[in-house]
Structures are given as C-alpha cells and as structure tokens.
Amino acid sequence: MIEQLHNKTILVTGGAGFIGSNLCEILLLNNIKTVCLDNFSTGKRENIEPFLQDDNFKLIEGDIRNIDDCHKACKNVDFVLHQAALGSVPRSINDPATTNDVNISGFLNMLIASKDANIKRFVYAASSSTYGDHEALPKVEEVIGKPLSPYAITKYVNELYADIFNKTYGLDTIGLRYFNVFGRRQDPNGAYAAVIPKFVQQFVKHESPYINGDGSYSRDFTYIDNVVQMNLKAITSQNKASYNQVYNVAFGERTTLLELTTLLKEYLSEFDPEIKNVEVKHRDNRTGDIPHSLASIDKAKKLLNYNPEYSVSDGLKEAVNWYWGNL
C-alpha cells in the first residue's frame, strides 16, 4: 500500500497535532517526504520534535486561515492529508466564530491551494458529529440528521465544499468521518481534552473522573492506528469507485462510558494497584452531546479494503502503556 507513495510528497496539515503527528510518523518511518503545516494553536512542538532531524521532514509554521500559507505548504506536494481544525463541541459552543473561521474558511483556503497546486488527492478529516440528531444505529454515510453544534455544522460544510470542488474543479477528495479517536500523543490537558486521556490522567493522580450522565452514553471509540491505516488506504486507493466519497472511520463497536472507565481502571491498576479504589463520579449530561454513536464500516471495508486491527480493549491497552511512560 504505502510503496505507492515513494518519491511522492505528502502535506499533513495540523501535523503537530494528535492525529497529524501520528500520520507524519508513519510516513517518515517509510521514508516518504512529509511536509507539516501547523500554527501550534492546539498542536504541540514536542509531537514533532523527533522528526526535525529527518531529511524527509519539512515544517512550515503557518495558519490555514492565511491563503498564502496554504499556497506555500501545497507547493510541490502530491497529496494532502488535511487534519488541521479546531475540534471540540463545547469549544464551538463557547466560541462559534473562531471554530467557523478555522474549520470553514481555513478548509476552503486549503481546497483552493490544493486545486491551484494540482494536488492528486485531498483526504480530509470529517467528523461523526455530522450525523447530528439522526438516531438510528449504526450510522451509515448516506443518512445524516440536523447538526447539534456549531462544530458539527463546520464539518458538514467541509463535506459540501469538498464535493463541489470535485464536481467543479475536478479535485479528487475523500472525507473520513472520525469516530472518537484515541491513542498516543492525545493531550490530556486543557479545557477541551478528550475523555480518554483526561480520565487516564485523573486515575494516575488518584483523582475521581466525572462521567456526564449515568454512564450509559456510548461511543464507537477508535484507536489511532486504525485511523492511520484508513488515511493511507484513502490516499493510495486505485479503486475509482472509492473516490470522492465520505467514509466512517471507526472499529464498529459501542462502548459505554462506564465500560470505558472499568477498562481503564483495570489496565492502569497493573501499574498502580491503588487505582482500583478510585471512585468514578457523575454529573449532568453536556449540551450538544448525542446519547449513542456507532458506525457502520461496511462502505470503507468494501471500497477501501479497510480492516481495523485494534479493538477498543486492544487500543486502550496500547494507549495506557504509552500514557504511563509519558504522563
């Protein structure tokens, strides 16, 4: 699969972020020229520190809201893996203007720059939040509801823009609707930290994590290596039927928040037995949160030969091992 990318140059926007840095890492491990564009608003310099000495790695410190930065980053690039965005539903509720500016205006800038640079394929991070208030499970790509947050609106608009740029300009695009990705380098700090690294950090400190609601809400938690695989499948696919589509990126199983905390306590207590005794507390559900999420990955399996290797429990073991050595 990845052999096709030799002698190619890949741009990873948001390459210093959680998912972006993992994509940069796999590309560099395979001796593929990699350009990282990041403004470090949420990305971390330490995520890309090991790459800076690699002759195949180029860092461009810039902002997707600046069209000149986008044009500079796309110069002499073959493929784009667009990960740059402001994530988090609560952040978008607190500051919809900035989320819109980055996720829609910045996304449009990247499409324009990619079109102008004759990029071969533009693969971008979409989101399961696009399913909105549509309640049926599992989620299938062709059926969505109304968005429940400003963030969800921005990610849906991304899909609309990508489709128009394909139809109007012939830019080859593939959208990847991520479902609750977790794993190494995911930041446990900050107001908008994802639930898994935040819980891990609290358990390690013997602090009680808070579950929103009674713990019955469920998610299709997806380990980072499955996401990396999907990006590589999307960028290298030779199946024309797979082009200009949107795909769910998940494992295809539901895990409740109570089940999640139980697994985390079990795996972390292997390092520190006291963690077994840390109490989990509850508080009100959060505005904009959907009760349940579960992806159908049939389309990705059929058209992109996607085959997620890590279940939630396997991924959590890997993540816990990484966090224990890096927190």
C-alpha atoms as a PDB file:
ATOM      1  CA  MET A   1       0.000   0.000   0.000  1.00  0.00           C
ATOM      2  CA  ILE A   2       2.496   2.613   1.148  1.00  0.00           C
ATOM      3  CA  GLU A   3       5.050   1.706  -1.546  1.00  0.00           C
ATOM      4  CA  GLN A   4       2.994   3.787  -3.992  1.00  0.00           C
ATOM      5  CA  LEU A   5       3.933   6.911  -2.046  1.00  0.00           C
ATOM      6  CA  HIS A   6       7.689   6.588  -2.518  1.00  0.00           C
ATOM      7  CA  ASN A   7       9.038   9.536  -4.498  1.00  0.00           C
ATOM      8  CA  LYS A   8       5.866  11.451  -3.559  1.00  0.00           C
ATOM      9  CA  THR A   9       5.497  14.360  -1.149  1.00  0.00           C
ATOM     10  CA  ILE A  10       2.645  14.391   1.367  1.00  0.00           C
ATOM     11  CA  LEU A  11       1.378  17.514   3.155  1.00  0.00           C
ATOM     12  CA  VAL A  12      -0.122  16.912   6.601  1.00  0.00           C
ATOM     13  CA  THR A  13      -1.968  19.984   7.844  1.00  0.00           C
ATOM     14  CA  GLY A  14      -2.205  20.062  11.614  1.00  0.00           C
ATOM     15  CA  GLY A  15       0.802  17.762  11.542  1.00  0.00           C
ATOM     16  CA  ALA A  16       1.867  18.638  15.085  1.00  0.00           C
ATOM     17  CA  GLY A  17      -1.497  17.581  16.480  1.00  0.00           C
ATOM     18  CA  PHE A  18      -2.595  14.229  17.841  1.00  0.00           C
ATOM     19  CA  ILE A  19      -3.693  12.548  14.618  1.00  0.00           C
ATOM     20  CA  GLY A  20      -1.448  14.626  12.351  1.00  0.00           C
ATOM     21  CA  SER A  21       1.765  13.734  14.196  1.00  0.00           C
ATOM     22  CA  ASN A  22       0.914  10.030  14.032  1.00  0.00           C
ATOM     23  CA  LEU A  23       0.422  10.381  10.270  1.00  0.00           C
ATOM     24  CA  CYS A  24       3.753  12.216   9.919  1.00  0.00           C
ATOM     25  CA  GLU A  25       5.438   9.465  11.925  1.00  0.00           C
ATOM     26  CA  ILE A  26       4.220   6.584   9.736  1.00  0.00           C
ATOM     27  CA  LEU A  27       5.139   8.445   6.548  1.00  0.00           C
ATOM     28  CA  LEU A  28       8.643   9.231   7.789  1.00  0.00           C
ATOM     29  CA  LEU A  29       9.157   5.651   9.008  1.00  0.00           C
ATOM     30  CA  ASN A  30       8.565   4.658   5.388  1.00  0.00           C
ATOM     31  CA  ASN A  31      10.996   7.275   4.014  1.00  0.00           C
ATOM     32  CA  ILE A  32       8.272   9.407   2.434  1.00  0.00           C
ATOM     33  CA  LYS A  33       8.797  13.146   2.039  1.00  0.00           C
ATOM     34  CA  THR A  34       6.473  14.826   4.517  1.00  0.00           C
ATOM     35  CA  VAL A  35       5.516  18.487   4.910  1.00  0.00           C
ATOM     36  CA  CYS A  36       3.848  19.600   8.161  1.00  0.00           C
ATOM     37  CA  LEU A  37       1.788  22.793   8.296  1.00  0.00           C
ATOM     38  CA  ASP A  38       0.792  23.864  11.808  1.00  0.00           C
ATOM     39  CA  ASN A  39       0.234  27.088  13.739  1.00  0.00           C
ATOM     40  CA  PHE A  40       0.599  25.315  17.116  1.00  0.00           C
ATOM     41  CA  SER A  41      -2.708  26.609  18.447  1.00  0.00           C
ATOM     42  CA  THR A  42      -3.569  23.080  19.565  1.00  0.00           C
ATOM     43  CA  GLY A  43      -0.638  21.104  18.115  1.00  0.00           C
ATOM     44  CA  LYS A  44       2.463  20.515  20.233  1.00  0.00           C
ATOM     45  CA  ARG A  45       6.080  21.056  19.232  1.00  0.00           C
ATOM     46  CA  GLU A  46       7.107  18.007  21.251  1.00  0.00           C
ATOM     47  CA  ASN A  47       4.922  15.846  18.989  1.00  0.00           C
ATOM     48  CA  ILE A  48       7.166  16.595  16.008  1.00  0.00           C
ATOM     49  CA  GLU A  49      10.457  17.131  17.852  1.00  0.00           C
ATOM     50  CA  PRO A  50      11.764  13.669  16.860  1.00  0.00           C
ATOM     51  CA  PHE A  51      11.099  14.416  13.171  1.00  0.00           C
ATOM     52  CA  LEU A  52      13.022  17.682  12.874  1.00  0.00           C
ATOM     53  CA  GLN A  53      16.341  15.936  12.155  1.00  0.00           C
ATOM     54  CA  ASP A  54      14.812  13.791   9.402  1.00  0.00           C
ATOM     55  CA  ASP A  55      15.830  14.958   5.912  1.00  0.00           C
ATOM     56  CA  ASN A  56      12.402  13.901   4.630  1.00  0.00           C
ATOM     57  CA  PHE A  57      10.576  16.226   7.044  1.00  0.00           C
ATOM     58  CA  LYS A  58       9.766  19.875   6.461  1.00  0.00           C
ATOM     59  CA  LEU A  59       7.953  22.077   8.978  1.00  0.00           C
ATOM     60  CA  ILE A  60       6.041  25.141   7.829  1.00  0.00           C
ATOM     61  CA  GLU A  61       4.770  27.217  10.716  1.00  0.00           C
ATOM     62  CA  GLY A  62       1.629  28.794   9.328  1.00  0.00           C
ATOM     63  CA  ASP A  63      -2.125  29.115   9.564  1.00  0.00           C
ATOM     64  CA  ILE A  64      -4.758  27.656   7.234  1.00  0.00           C
ATOM     65  CA  ARG A  65      -6.693  30.910   7.674  1.00  0.00           C
ATOM     66  CA  ASN A  66      -3.898  32.561   5.672  1.00  0.00           C
ATOM     67  CA  ILE A  67      -4.206  31.633   1.982  1.00  0.00           C
ATOM     68  CA  ASP A  68      -0.530  32.456   1.350  1.00  0.00           C
ATOM     69  CA  ASP A  69       0.495  29.895   3.972  1.00  0.00           C
ATOM     70  CA  CYS A  70      -1.734  27.322   2.287  1.00  0.00           C
ATOM     71  CA  HIS A  71      -0.213  28.007  -1.146  1.00  0.00           C
ATOM     72  CA  LYS A  72       3.294  27.794   0.320  1.00  0.00           C
ATOM     73  CA  ALA A  73       2.536  24.469   2.007  1.00  0.00           C
ATOM     74  CA  CYS A  74       1.000  22.942  -1.151  1.00  0.00           C
ATOM     75  CA  LYS A  75       3.947  23.821  -3.393  1.00  0.00           C
ATOM     76  CA  ASN A  76       5.476  20.696  -4.988  1.00  0.00           C
ATOM     77  CA  VAL A  77       3.156  18.443  -2.953  1.00  0.00           C
ATOM     78  CA  ASP A  78       1.418  15.371  -4.434  1.00  0.00           C
ATOM     79  CA  PHE A  79      -1.184  14.528  -1.761  1.00  0.00           C
ATOM     80  CA  VAL A  80      -2.796  16.355   1.164  1.00  0.00           C
ATOM     81  CA  LEU A  81      -3.896  14.809   4.457  1.00  0.00           C
ATOM     82  CA  HIS A  82      -5.897  17.693   5.929  1.00  0.00           C
ATOM     83  CA  GLN A  83      -6.169  17.317   9.717  1.00  0.00           C
ATOM     84  CA  ALA A  84      -5.962  20.979  10.763  1.00  0.00           C
ATOM     85  CA  ALA A  85      -9.129  22.102  12.560  1.00  0.00           C
ATOM     86  CA  LEU A  86     -10.462  23.288  15.879  1.00  0.00           C
ATOM     87  CA  GLY A  87     -12.078  20.248  17.437  1.00  0.00           C
ATOM     88  CA  SER A  88     -14.480  20.011  20.375  1.00  0.00           C
ATOM     89  CA  VAL A  89     -18.227  20.565  20.539  1.00  0.00           C
ATOM     90  CA  PRO A  90     -18.002  22.626  23.779  1.00  0.00           C
ATOM     91  CA  ARG A  91     -15.324  24.898  22.288  1.00  0.00           C
ATOM     92  CA  SER A  92     -17.543  25.583  19.291  1.00  0.00           C
ATOM     93  CA  ILE A  93     -20.481  26.407  21.564  1.00  0.00           C
ATOM     94  CA  ASN A  94     -18.341  28.811  23.596  1.00  0.00           C
ATOM     95  CA  ASP A  95     -16.682  30.413  20.544  1.00  0.00           C
ATOM     96  CA  PRO A  96     -18.549  29.635  17.312  1.00  0.00           C
ATOM     97  CA  ALA A  97     -16.851  32.418  15.344  1.00  0.00           C
ATOM     98  CA  THR A  98     -13.303  31.061  15.699  1.00  0.00           C
ATOM     99  CA  THR A  99     -14.422  27.489  15.050  1.00  0.00           C
ATOM    100  CA  ASN A 100     -16.151  28.686  11.877  1.00  0.00           C
ATOM    101  CA  ASP A 101     -13.117  30.722  10.801  1.00  0.00           C
ATOM    102  CA  VAL A 102     -10.680  27.835  11.149  1.00  0.00           C
ATOM    103  CA  ASN A 103     -12.881  24.927  10.108  1.00  0.00           C
ATOM    104  CA  ILE A 104     -14.712  26.535   7.185  1.00  0.00           C
ATOM    105  CA  SER A 105     -12.613  29.478   5.934  1.00  0.00           C
ATOM    106  CA  GLY A 106      -9.385  27.572   6.596  1.00  0.00           C
ATOM    107  CA  PHE A 107     -10.749  24.462   4.917  1.00  0.00           C
ATOM    108  CA  LEU A 108     -11.790  26.482   1.864  1.00  0.00           C
ATOM    109  CA  ASN A 109      -8.318  28.020   1.691  1.00  0.00           C
ATOM    110  CA  MET A 110      -6.783  24.559   1.653  1.00  0.00           C
ATOM    111  CA  LEU A 111      -9.124  23.410  -1.119  1.00  0.00           C
ATOM    112  CA  ILE A 112      -8.229  26.460  -3.211  1.00  0.00           C
ATOM    113  CA  ALA A 113      -4.497  25.999  -2.641  1.00  0.00           C
ATOM    114  CA  SER A 114      -4.784  22.266  -3.447  1.00  0.00           C
ATOM    115  CA  LYS A 115      -6.685  22.989  -6.656  1.00  0.00           C
ATOM    116  CA  ASP A 116      -4.132  25.622  -7.697  1.00  0.00           C
ATOM    117  CA  ALA A 117      -1.235  23.236  -6.974  1.00  0.00           C
ATOM    118  CA  ASN A 118      -2.853  20.368  -8.934  1.00  0.00           C
ATOM    119  CA  ILE A 119      -2.852  18.111  -5.866  1.00  0.00           C
ATOM    120  CA  LYS A 120      -3.562  14.497  -6.831  1.00  0.00           C
ATOM    121  CA  ARG A 121      -5.881  13.803  -3.902  1.00  0.00           C
ATOM    122  CA  PHE A 122      -7.181  15.763  -0.918  1.00  0.00           C
ATOM    123  CA  VAL A 123      -8.043  13.492   2.024  1.00  0.00           C
ATOM    124  CA  TYR A 124      -9.623  15.361   4.930  1.00  0.00           C
ATOM    125  CA  ALA A 125     -10.747  14.788   8.489  1.00  0.00           C
ATOM    126  CA  ALA A 126     -14.535  14.804   8.619  1.00  0.00           C
ATOM    127  CA  SER A 127     -16.498  14.005  11.765  1.00  0.00           C
ATOM    128  CA  SER A 128     -19.150  11.680  13.158  1.00  0.00           C
ATOM    129  CA  SER A 129     -20.771  14.825  14.607  1.00  0.00           C
ATOM    130  CA  THR A 130     -22.247  15.290  11.121  1.00  0.00           C
ATOM    131  CA  TYR A 131     -24.854  12.640  11.964  1.00  0.00           C
ATOM    132  CA  GLY A 132     -26.421  15.139  14.362  1.00  0.00           C
ATOM    133  CA  ASP A 133     -29.871  14.269  15.640  1.00  0.00           C
ATOM    134  CA  HIS A 134     -30.292  11.216  13.421  1.00  0.00           C
ATOM    135  CA  GLU A 135     -30.904   8.475  15.985  1.00  0.00           C
ATOM    136  CA  ALA A 136     -30.733   5.227  14.012  1.00  0.00           C
ATOM    137  CA  LEU A 137     -27.750   2.932  14.631  1.00  0.00           C
ATOM    138  CA  PRO A 138     -25.399   2.049  13.125  1.00  0.00           C
ATOM    139  CA  LYS A 139     -24.590   5.285  11.314  1.00  0.00           C
ATOM    140  CA  VAL A 140     -24.384   4.865   7.556  1.00  0.00           C
ATOM    141  CA  GLU A 141     -22.709   7.500   5.428  1.00  0.00           C
ATOM    142  CA  GLU A 142     -25.683   8.362   3.258  1.00  0.00           C
ATOM    143  CA  VAL A 143     -28.115   9.191   6.095  1.00  0.00           C
ATOM    144  CA  ILE A 144     -27.486  12.152   8.398  1.00  0.00           C
ATOM    145  CA  GLY A 145     -29.608  14.377  10.632  1.00  0.00           C
ATOM    146  CA  LYS A 146     -29.518  18.029  11.624  1.00  0.00           C
ATOM    147  CA  PRO A 147     -26.291  19.233  13.303  1.00  0.00           C
ATOM    148  CA  LEU A 148     -26.367  19.705  17.078  1.00  0.00           C
ATOM    149  CA  SER A 149     -23.441  22.130  17.467  1.00  0.00           C
ATOM    150  CA  PRO A 150     -21.515  24.819  15.577  1.00  0.00           C
ATOM    151  CA  TYR A 151     -18.647  22.315  15.272  1.00  0.00           C
ATOM    152  CA  ALA A 152     -20.916  19.789  13.556  1.00  0.00           C
ATOM    153  CA  ILE A 153     -22.086  22.457  11.115  1.00  0.00           C
ATOM    154  CA  THR A 154     -18.493  23.274  10.138  1.00  0.00           C
ATOM    155  CA  LYS A 155     -17.636  19.631   9.484  1.00  0.00           C
ATOM    156  CA  TYR A 156     -20.734  19.133   7.362  1.00  0.00           C
ATOM    157  CA  VAL A 157     -19.919  22.258   5.348  1.00  0.00           C
ATOM    158  CA  ASN A 158     -16.455  20.756   4.738  1.00  0.00           C
ATOM    159  CA  GLU A 159     -18.103  17.774   3.060  1.00  0.00           C
ATOM    160  CA  LEU A 160     -20.262  20.039   0.899  1.00  0.00           C
ATOM    161  CA  TYR A 161     -17.267  22.126  -0.173  1.00  0.00           C
ATOM    162  CA  ALA A 162     -15.178  19.045  -0.956  1.00  0.00           C
ATOM    163  CA  ASP A 163     -17.961  17.677  -3.131  1.00  0.00           C
ATOM    164  CA  ILE A 164     -18.324  20.976  -5.004  1.00  0.00           C
ATOM    165  CA  PHE A 165     -14.568  21.240  -5.585  1.00  0.00           C
ATOM    166  CA  ASN A 166     -14.637  17.770  -7.095  1.00  0.00           C
ATOM    167  CA  LYS A 167     -17.601  18.488  -9.337  1.00  0.00           C
ATOM    168  CA  THR A 168     -16.485  21.997 -10.333  1.00  0.00           C
ATOM    169  CA  TYR A 169     -12.699  21.746 -10.488  1.00  0.00           C
ATOM    170  CA  GLY A 170     -12.007  18.021 -10.672  1.00  0.00           C
ATOM    171  CA  LEU A 171     -10.146  17.937  -7.331  1.00  0.00           C
ATOM    172  CA  ASP A 172     -10.103  14.366  -6.048  1.00  0.00           C
ATOM    173  CA  THR A 173     -11.373  14.397  -2.434  1.00  0.00           C
ATOM    174  CA  ILE A 174     -12.065  11.767   0.228  1.00  0.00           C
ATOM    175  CA  GLY A 175     -13.636  12.603   3.590  1.00  0.00           C
ATOM    176  CA  LEU A 176     -13.039  10.500   6.693  1.00  0.00           C
ATOM    177  CA  ARG A 177     -15.681  10.770   9.402  1.00  0.00           C
ATOM    178  CA  TYR A 178     -13.697  10.061  12.554  1.00  0.00           C
ATOM    179  CA  PHE A 179     -15.468   8.431  15.498  1.00  0.00           C
ATOM    180  CA  ASN A 180     -13.927   9.259  18.917  1.00  0.00           C
ATOM    181  CA  VAL A 181     -10.276   8.650  18.101  1.00  0.00           C
ATOM    182  CA  PHE A 182      -7.851   7.946  20.967  1.00  0.00           C
ATOM    183  CA  GLY A 183      -4.241   6.913  21.457  1.00  0.00           C
ATOM    184  CA  ARG A 184      -0.659   8.068  21.893  1.00  0.00           C
ATOM    185  CA  ARG A 185       0.001  11.826  21.862  1.00  0.00           C
ATOM    186  CA  GLN A 186      -3.606  12.752  22.596  1.00  0.00           C
ATOM    187  CA  ASP A 187      -3.386  15.681  25.016  1.00  0.00           C
ATOM    188  CA  PRO A 188      -4.894  15.098  28.486  1.00  0.00           C
ATOM    189  CA  ASN A 189      -4.669  18.793  29.412  1.00  0.00           C
ATOM    190  CA  GLY A 190      -6.803  21.807  28.661  1.00  0.00           C
ATOM    191  CA  ALA A 191     -10.480  22.673  28.890  1.00  0.00           C
ATOM    192  CA  TYR A 192     -11.376  20.613  25.818  1.00  0.00           C
ATOM    193  CA  ALA A 193      -9.334  17.482  26.439  1.00  0.00           C
ATOM    194  CA  ALA A 194     -10.800  14.265  25.050  1.00  0.00           C
ATOM    195  CA  VAL A 195     -12.329  11.928  27.584  1.00  0.00           C
ATOM    196  CA  ILE A 196      -9.827   9.027  27.474  1.00  0.00           C
ATOM    197  CA  PRO A 197      -6.563  10.923  28.101  1.00  0.00           C
ATOM    198  CA  LYS A 198      -8.339  13.091  30.664  1.00  0.00           C
ATOM    199  CA  PHE A 199      -9.626  10.037  32.560  1.00  0.00           C
ATOM    200  CA  VAL A 200      -6.208   8.374  32.373  1.00  0.00           C
ATOM    201  CA  GLN A 201      -4.504  11.435  33.848  1.00  0.00           C
ATOM    202  CA  GLN A 202      -7.078  11.671  36.649  1.00  0.00           C
ATOM    203  CA  PHE A 203      -6.774   7.980  37.534  1.00  0.00           C
ATOM    204  CA  VAL A 204      -2.966   8.251  37.579  1.00  0.00           C
ATOM    205  CA  LYS A 205      -3.289  11.146  40.057  1.00  0.00           C
ATOM    206  CA  HIS A 206      -5.869   9.184  42.099  1.00  0.00           C
ATOM    207  CA  GLU A 207      -8.475  11.840  41.242  1.00  0.00           C
ATOM    208  CA  SER A 208     -12.104  10.895  40.589  1.00  0.00           C
ATOM    209  CA  PRO A 209     -13.083  11.376  36.942  1.00  0.00           C
ATOM    210  CA  TYR A 210     -16.547  12.742  36.193  1.00  0.00           C
ATOM    211  CA  ILE A 211     -18.862  10.965  33.788  1.00  0.00           C
ATOM    212  CA  ASN A 212     -21.520  13.136  32.188  1.00  0.00           C
ATOM    213  CA  GLY A 213     -24.859  11.457  32.924  1.00  0.00           C
ATOM    214  CA  ASP A 214     -25.313   7.952  34.299  1.00  0.00           C
ATOM    215  CA  GLY A 215     -22.565   6.421  32.169  1.00  0.00           C
ATOM    216  CA  SER A 216     -24.896   4.688  29.730  1.00  0.00           C
ATOM    217  CA  TYR A 217     -23.987   7.010  26.836  1.00  0.00           C
ATOM    218  CA  SER A 218     -21.905   5.062  24.346  1.00  0.00           C
ATOM    219  CA  ARG A 219     -19.364   5.805  21.647  1.00  0.00           C
ATOM    220  CA  ASP A 220     -17.534   3.977  18.884  1.00  0.00           C
ATOM    221  CA  PHE A 221     -14.054   4.578  20.317  1.00  0.00           C
ATOM    222  CA  THR A 222     -11.391   4.166  17.647  1.00  0.00           C
ATOM    223  CA  TYR A 223      -7.675   3.578  18.199  1.00  0.00           C
ATOM    224  CA  ILE A 224      -5.260   5.867  16.359  1.00  0.00           C
ATOM    225  CA  ASP A 225      -3.604   3.079  14.340  1.00  0.00           C
ATOM    226  CA  ASN A 226      -6.956   2.264  12.709  1.00  0.00           C
ATOM    227  CA  VAL A 227      -7.223   5.930  11.692  1.00  0.00           C
ATOM    228  CA  VAL A 228      -3.695   5.969  10.302  1.00  0.00           C
ATOM    229  CA  GLN A 229      -4.483   2.854   8.269  1.00  0.00           C
ATOM    230  CA  MET A 230      -7.622   4.495   6.866  1.00  0.00           C
ATOM    231  CA  ASN A 231      -5.753   7.633   5.806  1.00  0.00           C
ATOM    232  CA  LEU A 232      -3.172   5.538   3.984  1.00  0.00           C
ATOM    233  CA  LYS A 233      -5.885   3.461   2.306  1.00  0.00           C
ATOM    234  CA  ALA A 234      -7.655   6.644   1.186  1.00  0.00           C
ATOM    235  CA  ILE A 235      -4.540   8.281  -0.188  1.00  0.00           C
ATOM    236  CA  THR A 236      -3.318   5.213  -2.087  1.00  0.00           C
ATOM    237  CA  SER A 237      -6.613   3.742  -3.346  1.00  0.00           C
ATOM    238  CA  GLN A 238      -6.654   2.873  -7.051  1.00  0.00           C
ATOM    239  CA  ASN A 239     -10.331   1.902  -6.940  1.00  0.00           C
ATOM    240  CA  LYS A 240     -12.145   4.647  -8.843  1.00  0.00           C
ATOM    241  CA  ALA A 241     -15.418   3.780  -7.117  1.00  0.00           C
ATOM    242  CA  SER A 242     -13.794   4.831  -3.829  1.00  0.00           C
ATOM    243  CA  TYR A 243     -13.010   8.383  -4.967  1.00  0.00           C
ATOM    244  CA  ASN A 244     -14.976  11.471  -3.947  1.00  0.00           C
ATOM    245  CA  GLN A 245     -16.771   9.709  -1.135  1.00  0.00           C
ATOM    246  CA  VAL A 246     -17.132  10.108   2.617  1.00  0.00           C
ATOM    247  CA  TYR A 247     -16.340   7.181   4.923  1.00  0.00           C
ATOM    248  CA  ASN A 248     -16.841   6.304   8.566  1.00  0.00           C
ATOM    249  CA  VAL A 249     -13.574   5.652  10.382  1.00  0.00           C
ATOM    250  CA  ALA A 250     -14.266   3.500  13.427  1.00  0.00           C
ATOM    251  CA  PHE A 251     -13.985  -0.003  14.800  1.00  0.00           C
ATOM    252  CA  GLY A 252     -17.719  -0.668  14.575  1.00  0.00           C
ATOM    253  CA  GLU A 253     -18.492  -1.415  18.238  1.00  0.00           C
ATOM    254  CA  ARG A 254     -20.150   0.582  21.014  1.00  0.00           C
ATOM    255  CA  THR A 255     -18.578   1.109  24.422  1.00  0.00           C
ATOM    256  CA  THR A 256     -20.426   2.881  27.255  1.00  0.00           C
ATOM    257  CA  LEU A 257     -18.610   5.414  29.416  1.00  0.00           C
ATOM    258  CA  LEU A 258     -18.983   3.068  32.396  1.00  0.00           C
ATOM    259  CA  GLU A 259     -17.403   0.215  30.432  1.00  0.00           C
ATOM    260  CA  LEU A 260     -14.630   2.584  29.362  1.00  0.00           C
ATOM    261  CA  THR A 261     -13.746   3.628  32.915  1.00  0.00           C
ATOM    262  CA  THR A 262     -13.836  -0.006  34.058  1.00  0.00           C
ATOM    263  CA  LEU A 263     -11.313  -0.996  31.375  1.00  0.00           C
ATOM    264  CA  LEU A 264      -9.079   1.988  32.105  1.00  0.00           C
ATOM    265  CA  LYS A 265      -9.024   1.183  35.826  1.00  0.00           C
ATOM    266  CA  GLU A 266      -8.212  -2.451  35.078  1.00  0.00           C
ATOM    267  CA  TYR A 267      -5.287  -1.653  32.751  1.00  0.00           C
ATOM    268  CA  LEU A 268      -3.896   1.210  34.843  1.00  0.00           C
ATOM    269  CA  SER A 269      -4.066  -0.788  38.076  1.00  0.00           C
ATOM    270  CA  GLU A 270      -1.483  -3.157  36.595  1.00  0.00           C
ATOM    271  CA  PHE A 271       0.957  -0.266  37.058  1.00  0.00           C
ATOM    272  CA  ASP A 272      -0.572   1.082  40.271  1.00  0.00           C
ATOM    273  CA  PRO A 273      -2.958  -1.196  42.251  1.00  0.00           C
ATOM    274  CA  GLU A 274      -4.350   1.818  44.173  1.00  0.00           C
ATOM    275  CA  ILE A 275      -6.143   2.983  41.014  1.00  0.00           C
ATOM    276  CA  LYS A 276      -8.687   0.186  41.525  1.00  0.00           C
ATOM    277  CA  ASN A 277     -10.021   2.135  44.520  1.00  0.00           C
ATOM    278  CA  VAL A 278     -10.519   5.475  42.741  1.00  0.00           C
ATOM    279  CA  GLU A 279     -14.211   6.367  42.661  1.00  0.00           C
ATOM    280  CA  VAL A 280     -15.926   7.460  39.436  1.00  0.00           C
ATOM    281  CA  LYS A 281     -18.381  10.350  39.917  1.00  0.00           C
ATOM    282  CA  HIS A 282     -21.331  11.578  37.854  1.00  0.00           C
ATOM    283  CA  ARG A 283     -22.706  14.944  36.774  1.00  0.00           C
ATOM    284  CA  ASP A 284     -25.293  16.311  34.328  1.00  0.00           C
ATOM    285  CA  ASN A 285     -25.165  15.494  30.633  1.00  0.00           C
ATOM    286  CA  ARG A 286     -23.439  18.040  28.409  1.00  0.00           C
ATOM    287  CA  THR A 287     -25.235  20.306  25.914  1.00  0.00           C
ATOM    288  CA  GLY A 288     -24.911  19.075  22.338  1.00  0.00           C
ATOM    289  CA  ASP A 289     -23.896  15.522  23.262  1.00  0.00           C
ATOM    290  CA  ILE A 290     -25.675  12.706  21.470  1.00  0.00           C
ATOM    291  CA  PRO A 291     -26.583   9.655  23.598  1.00  0.00           C
ATOM    292  CA  HIS A 292     -25.150   6.944  21.360  1.00  0.00           C
ATOM    293  CA  SER A 293     -22.834   6.596  18.423  1.00  0.00           C
ATOM    294  CA  LEU A 294     -21.981   3.519  16.387  1.00  0.00           C
ATOM    295  CA  ALA A 295     -20.530   3.388  12.891  1.00  0.00           C
ATOM    296  CA  SER A 296     -21.164   1.053  10.039  1.00  0.00           C
ATOM    297  CA  ILE A 297     -17.751   0.468   8.448  1.00  0.00           C
ATOM    298  CA  ASP A 298     -19.097  -1.665   5.592  1.00  0.00           C
ATOM    299  CA  LYS A 299     -18.541   1.037   2.972  1.00  0.00           C
ATOM    300  CA  ALA A 300     -14.906   1.545   3.987  1.00  0.00           C
ATOM    301  CA  LYS A 301     -14.303  -2.207   4.015  1.00  0.00           C
ATOM    302  CA  LYS A 302     -15.862  -2.640   0.587  1.00  0.00           C
ATOM    303  CA  LEU A 303     -14.397   0.327  -1.297  1.00  0.00           C
ATOM    304  CA  LEU A 304     -11.109   0.970   0.535  1.00  0.00           C
ATOM    305  CA  ASN A 305     -10.351  -2.505   1.901  1.00  0.00           C
ATOM    306  CA  TYR A 306     -10.302  -1.007   5.397  1.00  0.00           C
ATOM    307  CA  ASN A 307      -9.564  -3.583   8.072  1.00  0.00           C
ATOM    308  CA  PRO A 308      -9.255  -2.061  11.570  1.00  0.00           C
ATOM    309  CA  GLU A 309      -6.725  -4.073  13.558  1.00  0.00           C
ATOM    310  CA  TYR A 310      -7.305  -2.666  17.050  1.00  0.00           C
ATOM    311  CA  SER A 311     -10.443  -3.258  19.104  1.00  0.00           C
ATOM    312  CA  VAL A 312     -11.261  -0.789  21.886  1.00  0.00           C
ATOM    313  CA  SER A 313      -9.715  -3.030  24.553  1.00  0.00           C
ATOM    314  CA  ASP A 314      -6.560  -3.661  22.479  1.00  0.00           C
ATOM    315  CA  GLY A 315      -6.233   0.047  21.739  1.00  0.00           C
ATOM    316  CA  LEU A 316      -6.790   1.035  25.371  1.00  0.00           C
ATOM    317  CA  LYS A 317      -4.003  -1.321  26.472  1.00  0.00           C
ATOM    318  CA  GLU A 318      -1.629   0.314  23.972  1.00  0.00           C
ATOM    319  CA  ALA A 319      -2.744   3.814  24.959  1.00  0.00           C
ATOM    320  CA  VAL A 320      -2.422   3.136  28.695  1.00  0.00           C
ATOM    321  CA  ASN A 321       1.096   1.769  28.210  1.00  0.00           C
ATOM    322  CA  TRP A 322       2.055   4.904  26.276  1.00  0.00           C
ATOM    323  CA  TYR A 323       0.485   7.301  28.769  1.00  0.00           C
ATOM    324  CA  TRP A 324       2.078   5.561  31.730  1.00  0.00           C
ATOM    325  CA  GLY A 325       5.504   6.252  30.246  1.00  0.00           C
ATOM    326  CA  ASN A 326       4.726   9.770  29.032  1.00  0.00           C
ATOM    327  CA  LEU A 327       2.430  11.490  31.544  1.00  0.00           C
END
